[in-house]
Amino acid sequence: MNTTRLTEAQMLWLTAFAEELKKRVERFKDGDDICSIQVLNVLRQIKKYIQRYPHPRDAAAAMSFTARVNHSRGEAIQRGAGARRKRIVGRFPTDKTEDGDEITVDMVDQNAIDPASQAADCDECRRVVGQLPSDVATGIALTAIFGFNQGEAASKIGIGRTYLSRTMKRTQHEIRRGRNEAA
């Protein structure tokens, strides 16, 4: 815990800041809470705020909006709605079975992939990679899958980095051009 004592100038600045901020947020719901939380935040780093804002009025003007936003985000987090209020809190979602009965689903995986479409995508990837030059296919595997940069991948393959970069870029353009012509 920080045990440094405030100077008289810091106490005066903090008092003036608290009064000015209270004027700005008292008309809002939970205005007192917003003010007290922001005063505590400023108190933790009082020297930084005094240096940045020599006049407490300017500090209160600059912080009143963000203090209200931060307070509402904190309230939403405590409610379980998340900081961006995207999380839905309430009853579990329901789904219908093949018989038409309604069941409660406790978790829905939004990123789940249908095995049939996953297999089709895998086959398409194999087909496209099979058409690529071997240097490019190996370079893509080393960079995209194994996480090497192009220089490391080129040295593992036994070619120059600039050559690998050019051939990968040229192949990428050819694939895009072929896709656009087919469409």
C-alpha atoms as a PDB file:
ATOM      1  CA  MET A   1       0.000   0.000   0.000  1.00  0.00           C
ATOM      2  CA  ASN A   2       1.229   3.465  -0.839  1.00  0.00           C
ATOM      3  CA  THR A   3       1.891   5.319   2.410  1.00  0.00           C
ATOM      4  CA  THR A   4       3.131   8.613   0.988  1.00  0.00           C
ATOM      5  CA  ARG A   5       1.442  11.657   2.447  1.00  0.00           C
ATOM      6  CA  LEU A   6      -0.173  14.277   0.297  1.00  0.00           C
ATOM      7  CA  THR A   7       1.149  17.784   0.335  1.00  0.00           C
ATOM      8  CA  GLU A   8      -1.210  20.661   1.064  1.00  0.00           C
ATOM      9  CA  ALA A   9      -1.196  21.672  -2.620  1.00  0.00           C
ATOM     10  CA  GLN A  10      -2.113  18.119  -3.648  1.00  0.00           C
ATOM     11  CA  MET A  11      -4.943  18.007  -1.100  1.00  0.00           C
ATOM     12  CA  LEU A  12      -6.319  21.323  -2.354  1.00  0.00           C
ATOM     13  CA  TRP A  13      -6.066  20.180  -5.979  1.00  0.00           C
ATOM     14  CA  LEU A  14      -7.792  16.860  -5.163  1.00  0.00           C
ATOM     15  CA  THR A  15     -10.577  18.599  -3.240  1.00  0.00           C
ATOM     16  CA  ALA A  16     -11.188  21.044  -6.079  1.00  0.00           C
ATOM     17  CA  PHE A  17     -11.123  18.170  -8.582  1.00  0.00           C
ATOM     18  CA  ALA A  18     -13.649  16.150  -6.548  1.00  0.00           C
ATOM     19  CA  GLU A  19     -16.033  19.122  -6.254  1.00  0.00           C
ATOM     20  CA  GLU A  20     -15.812  19.933  -9.971  1.00  0.00           C
ATOM     21  CA  LEU A  21     -16.273  16.301 -10.998  1.00  0.00           C
ATOM     22  CA  LYS A  22     -19.255  15.949  -8.656  1.00  0.00           C
ATOM     23  CA  LYS A  23     -20.923  18.943 -10.357  1.00  0.00           C
ATOM     24  CA  ARG A  24     -20.445  17.285 -13.725  1.00  0.00           C
ATOM     25  CA  VAL A  25     -21.714  13.791 -12.848  1.00  0.00           C
ATOM     26  CA  GLU A  26     -24.282  14.357 -10.092  1.00  0.00           C
ATOM     27  CA  ARG A  27     -27.173  14.511 -12.568  1.00  0.00           C
ATOM     28  CA  PHE A  28     -26.434  10.968 -13.745  1.00  0.00           C
ATOM     29  CA  LYS A  29     -27.551   7.797 -12.079  1.00  0.00           C
ATOM     30  CA  ASP A  30     -24.895   6.662  -9.582  1.00  0.00           C
ATOM     31  CA  GLY A  31     -23.177  10.056  -9.826  1.00  0.00           C
ATOM     32  CA  ASP A  32     -21.737   9.757  -6.314  1.00  0.00           C
ATOM     33  CA  ASP A  33     -20.278   6.339  -7.102  1.00  0.00           C
ATOM     34  CA  ILE A  34     -18.791   7.606 -10.359  1.00  0.00           C
ATOM     35  CA  CYS A  35     -17.193  10.523  -8.546  1.00  0.00           C
ATOM     36  CA  SER A  36     -15.749   8.481  -5.693  1.00  0.00           C
ATOM     37  CA  ILE A  37     -14.267   5.837  -7.994  1.00  0.00           C
ATOM     38  CA  GLN A  38     -12.630   8.463 -10.197  1.00  0.00           C
ATOM     39  CA  VAL A  39     -11.264  10.380  -7.199  1.00  0.00           C
ATOM     40  CA  LEU A  40      -9.672   7.167  -5.920  1.00  0.00           C
ATOM     41  CA  ASN A  41      -8.159   6.521  -9.360  1.00  0.00           C
ATOM     42  CA  VAL A  42      -6.708  10.028  -9.424  1.00  0.00           C
ATOM     43  CA  LEU A  43      -5.474   9.724  -5.842  1.00  0.00           C
ATOM     44  CA  ARG A  44      -3.401   6.681  -6.773  1.00  0.00           C
ATOM     45  CA  GLN A  45      -1.447   8.737  -9.332  1.00  0.00           C
ATOM     46  CA  ILE A  46      -1.943  12.273  -8.063  1.00  0.00           C
ATOM     47  CA  LYS A  47       1.440  13.595  -9.231  1.00  0.00           C
ATOM     48  CA  LYS A  48       0.823  12.483 -12.802  1.00  0.00           C
ATOM     49  CA  TYR A  49      -2.601  14.122 -12.919  1.00  0.00           C
ATOM     50  CA  ILE A  50      -1.428  17.384 -11.371  1.00  0.00           C
ATOM     51  CA  GLN A  51       1.405  17.540 -13.871  1.00  0.00           C
ATOM     52  CA  ARG A  52      -0.907  16.847 -16.810  1.00  0.00           C
ATOM     53  CA  TYR A  53      -3.753  19.084 -15.608  1.00  0.00           C
ATOM     54  CA  PRO A  54      -2.531  22.056 -13.545  1.00  0.00           C
ATOM     55  CA  HIS A  55      -6.152  23.187 -13.085  1.00  0.00           C
ATOM     56  CA  PRO A  56      -8.533  20.666 -11.454  1.00  0.00           C
ATOM     57  CA  ARG A  57     -11.405  22.023 -13.558  1.00  0.00           C
ATOM     58  CA  ASP A  58      -9.616  20.845 -16.737  1.00  0.00           C
ATOM     59  CA  ALA A  59      -9.004  17.410 -15.231  1.00  0.00           C
ATOM     60  CA  ALA A  60     -12.671  17.019 -14.272  1.00  0.00           C
ATOM     61  CA  ALA A  61     -13.772  18.097 -17.741  1.00  0.00           C
ATOM     62  CA  ALA A  62     -11.418  15.613 -19.376  1.00  0.00           C
ATOM     63  CA  MET A  63     -12.364  12.700 -17.122  1.00  0.00           C
ATOM     64  CA  SER A  64     -16.097  13.087 -16.585  1.00  0.00           C
ATOM     65  CA  PHE A  65     -17.158  11.262 -19.745  1.00  0.00           C
ATOM     66  CA  THR A  66     -14.695   8.385 -19.428  1.00  0.00           C
ATOM     67  CA  ALA A  67     -15.533   8.046 -15.744  1.00  0.00           C
ATOM     68  CA  ARG A  68     -19.211   7.533 -16.638  1.00  0.00           C
ATOM     69  CA  VAL A  69     -18.337   5.038 -19.374  1.00  0.00           C
ATOM     70  CA  ASN A  70     -15.967   3.099 -17.122  1.00  0.00           C
ATOM     71  CA  HIS A  71     -18.573   3.008 -14.358  1.00  0.00           C
ATOM     72  CA  SER A  72     -21.256   1.637 -16.681  1.00  0.00           C
ATOM     73  CA  ARG A  73     -18.817  -0.968 -17.999  1.00  0.00           C
ATOM     74  CA  GLY A  74     -17.978  -2.000 -14.447  1.00  0.00           C
ATOM     75  CA  GLU A  75     -21.680  -2.288 -13.632  1.00  0.00           C
ATOM     76  CA  ALA A  76     -22.258  -4.415 -16.747  1.00  0.00           C
ATOM     77  CA  ILE A  77     -19.376  -6.696 -15.787  1.00  0.00           C
ATOM     78  CA  GLN A  78     -20.802  -7.135 -12.300  1.00  0.00           C
ATOM     79  CA  ARG A  79     -24.195  -8.001 -13.775  1.00  0.00           C
ATOM     80  CA  GLY A  80     -22.510 -10.609 -15.956  1.00  0.00           C
ATOM     81  CA  ALA A  81     -23.296  -8.854 -19.239  1.00  0.00           C
ATOM     82  CA  GLY A  82     -19.633  -8.228 -20.099  1.00  0.00           C
ATOM     83  CA  ALA A  83     -17.869  -4.913 -20.653  1.00  0.00           C
ATOM     84  CA  ARG A  84     -19.405  -4.523 -24.111  1.00  0.00           C
ATOM     85  CA  ARG A  85     -22.785  -5.862 -23.007  1.00  0.00           C
ATOM     86  CA  LYS A  86     -22.640  -8.652 -25.595  1.00  0.00           C
ATOM     87  CA  ARG A  87     -23.012 -11.526 -23.160  1.00  0.00           C
ATOM     88  CA  ILE A  88     -26.605 -12.622 -22.744  1.00  0.00           C
ATOM     89  CA  VAL A  89     -27.491 -13.453 -19.187  1.00  0.00           C
ATOM     90  CA  GLY A  90     -30.677 -15.281 -18.523  1.00  0.00           C
ATOM     91  CA  ARG A  91     -32.074 -18.650 -19.222  1.00  0.00           C
ATOM     92  CA  PHE A  92     -30.243 -21.214 -21.279  1.00  0.00           C
ATOM     93  CA  PRO A  93     -31.065 -21.405 -24.998  1.00  0.00           C
ATOM     94  CA  THR A  94     -33.450 -24.077 -26.167  1.00  0.00           C
ATOM     95  CA  ASP A  95     -33.322 -26.320 -29.195  1.00  0.00           C
ATOM     96  CA  LYS A  96     -35.663 -28.872 -30.737  1.00  0.00           C
ATOM     97  CA  THR A  97     -34.846 -32.551 -31.031  1.00  0.00           C
ATOM     98  CA  GLU A  98     -35.652 -34.651 -34.088  1.00  0.00           C
ATOM     99  CA  ASP A  99     -38.893 -35.700 -32.371  1.00  0.00           C
ATOM    100  CA  GLY A 100     -39.922 -32.066 -31.908  1.00  0.00           C
ATOM    101  CA  ASP A 101     -39.299 -31.976 -28.164  1.00  0.00           C
ATOM    102  CA  GLU A 102     -37.774 -28.815 -26.773  1.00  0.00           C
ATOM    103  CA  ILE A 103     -34.538 -29.272 -24.835  1.00  0.00           C
ATOM    104  CA  THR A 104     -32.355 -26.796 -22.946  1.00  0.00           C
ATOM    105  CA  VAL A 105     -28.816 -26.399 -24.228  1.00  0.00           C
ATOM    106  CA  ASP A 106     -26.331 -25.251 -21.639  1.00  0.00           C
ATOM    107  CA  MET A 107     -23.561 -24.392 -24.105  1.00  0.00           C
ATOM    108  CA  VAL A 108     -23.709 -23.633 -27.800  1.00  0.00           C
ATOM    109  CA  ASP A 109     -20.435 -23.839 -29.685  1.00  0.00           C
ATOM    110  CA  GLN A 110     -20.683 -21.086 -32.279  1.00  0.00           C
ATOM    111  CA  ASN A 111     -17.427 -22.213 -33.896  1.00  0.00           C
ATOM    112  CA  ALA A 112     -18.434 -25.849 -34.353  1.00  0.00           C
ATOM    113  CA  ILE A 113     -17.871 -27.144 -37.875  1.00  0.00           C
ATOM    114  CA  ASP A 114     -19.953 -29.752 -39.584  1.00  0.00           C
ATOM    115  CA  PRO A 115     -17.691 -32.805 -40.141  1.00  0.00           C
ATOM    116  CA  ALA A 116     -18.885 -33.201 -43.736  1.00  0.00           C
ATOM    117  CA  SER A 117     -18.064 -29.596 -44.652  1.00  0.00           C
ATOM    118  CA  GLN A 118     -14.768 -29.855 -42.770  1.00  0.00           C
ATOM    119  CA  ALA A 119     -13.830 -32.934 -44.832  1.00  0.00           C
ATOM    120  CA  ALA A 120     -14.821 -31.152 -48.057  1.00  0.00           C
ATOM    121  CA  ASP A 121     -12.689 -28.139 -47.112  1.00  0.00           C
ATOM    122  CA  CYS A 122      -9.767 -30.425 -46.296  1.00  0.00           C
ATOM    123  CA  ASP A 123     -10.070 -32.162 -49.674  1.00  0.00           C
ATOM    124  CA  GLU A 124     -10.194 -28.806 -51.457  1.00  0.00           C
ATOM    125  CA  CYS A 125      -7.060 -27.658 -49.602  1.00  0.00           C
ATOM    126  CA  ARG A 126      -5.216 -30.848 -50.553  1.00  0.00           C
ATOM    127  CA  ARG A 127      -6.248 -30.382 -54.188  1.00  0.00           C
ATOM    128  CA  VAL A 128      -5.051 -26.765 -54.289  1.00  0.00           C
ATOM    129  CA  VAL A 129      -1.793 -27.472 -52.442  1.00  0.00           C
ATOM    130  CA  GLY A 130      -1.162 -30.402 -54.799  1.00  0.00           C
ATOM    131  CA  GLN A 131      -1.234 -27.967 -57.741  1.00  0.00           C
ATOM    132  CA  LEU A 132       1.314 -25.610 -56.166  1.00  0.00           C
ATOM    133  CA  PRO A 133       5.029 -25.768 -56.968  1.00  0.00           C
ATOM    134  CA  SER A 134       6.822 -27.808 -54.314  1.00  0.00           C
ATOM    135  CA  ASP A 135       8.885 -24.843 -53.060  1.00  0.00           C
ATOM    136  CA  VAL A 136       5.735 -22.771 -52.561  1.00  0.00           C
ATOM    137  CA  ALA A 137       3.794 -25.596 -50.892  1.00  0.00           C
ATOM    138  CA  THR A 138       6.669 -26.274 -48.491  1.00  0.00           C
ATOM    139  CA  GLY A 139       7.118 -22.539 -47.853  1.00  0.00           C
ATOM    140  CA  ILE A 140       3.422 -22.114 -47.061  1.00  0.00           C
ATOM    141  CA  ALA A 141       3.491 -25.096 -44.707  1.00  0.00           C
ATOM    142  CA  LEU A 142       6.569 -23.820 -42.878  1.00  0.00           C
ATOM    143  CA  THR A 143       5.305 -20.232 -42.547  1.00  0.00           C
ATOM    144  CA  ALA A 144       1.565 -20.659 -42.056  1.00  0.00           C
ATOM    145  CA  ILE A 145       1.466 -23.913 -40.107  1.00  0.00           C
ATOM    146  CA  PHE A 146       4.791 -24.200 -38.290  1.00  0.00           C
ATOM    147  CA  GLY A 147       5.273 -20.476 -37.638  1.00  0.00           C
ATOM    148  CA  PHE A 148       8.643 -19.893 -39.297  1.00  0.00           C
ATOM    149  CA  ASN A 149       9.321 -16.586 -41.019  1.00  0.00           C
ATOM    150  CA  GLN A 150      10.141 -16.627 -44.720  1.00  0.00           C
ATOM    151  CA  GLY A 151      13.904 -16.416 -44.124  1.00  0.00           C
ATOM    152  CA  GLU A 152      13.887 -19.431 -41.805  1.00  0.00           C
ATOM    153  CA  ALA A 153      11.612 -21.360 -44.158  1.00  0.00           C
ATOM    154  CA  ALA A 154      13.823 -20.597 -47.152  1.00  0.00           C
ATOM    155  CA  SER A 155      16.953 -21.793 -45.348  1.00  0.00           C
ATOM    156  CA  LYS A 156      15.185 -25.033 -44.353  1.00  0.00           C
ATOM    157  CA  ILE A 157      14.127 -25.606 -47.977  1.00  0.00           C
ATOM    158  CA  GLY A 158      17.575 -24.649 -49.291  1.00  0.00           C
ATOM    159  CA  ILE A 159      16.589 -21.627 -51.397  1.00  0.00           C
ATOM    160  CA  GLY A 160      16.915 -17.864 -50.975  1.00  0.00           C
ATOM    161  CA  ARG A 161      14.387 -15.831 -49.018  1.00  0.00           C
ATOM    162  CA  THR A 162      13.747 -13.403 -51.862  1.00  0.00           C
ATOM    163  CA  TYR A 163      13.117 -16.267 -54.287  1.00  0.00           C
ATOM    164  CA  LEU A 164      10.659 -17.902 -51.864  1.00  0.00           C
ATOM    165  CA  SER A 165       8.897 -14.607 -51.218  1.00  0.00           C
ATOM    166  CA  ARG A 166       8.554 -13.836 -54.943  1.00  0.00           C
ATOM    167  CA  THR A 167       7.290 -17.309 -55.859  1.00  0.00           C
ATOM    168  CA  MET A 168       4.778 -17.358 -52.993  1.00  0.00           C
ATOM    169  CA  LYS A 169       3.481 -13.905 -53.958  1.00  0.00           C
ATOM    170  CA  ARG A 170       3.304 -14.819 -57.660  1.00  0.00           C
ATOM    171  CA  THR A 171       1.403 -18.018 -56.857  1.00  0.00           C
ATOM    172  CA  GLN A 172      -0.978 -16.088 -54.631  1.00  0.00           C
ATOM    173  CA  HIS A 173      -1.743 -13.665 -57.482  1.00  0.00           C
ATOM    174  CA  GLU A 174      -2.244 -16.560 -59.919  1.00  0.00           C
ATOM    175  CA  ILE A 175      -4.683 -18.283 -57.561  1.00  0.00           C
ATOM    176  CA  ARG A 176      -6.673 -15.070 -57.059  1.00  0.00           C
ATOM    177  CA  ARG A 177      -6.722 -14.377 -60.796  1.00  0.00           C
ATOM    178  CA  GLY A 178      -7.887 -17.939 -61.504  1.00  0.00           C
ATOM    179  CA  ARG A 179     -10.610 -17.647 -58.877  1.00  0.00           C
ATOM    180  CA  ASN A 180     -11.865 -14.360 -60.305  1.00  0.00           C
ATOM    181  CA  GLU A 181     -11.985 -15.778 -63.858  1.00  0.00           C
ATOM    182  CA  ALA A 182     -13.909 -18.832 -62.685  1.00  0.00           C
ATOM    183  CA  ALA A 183     -16.470 -16.691 -60.875  1.00  0.00           C
END
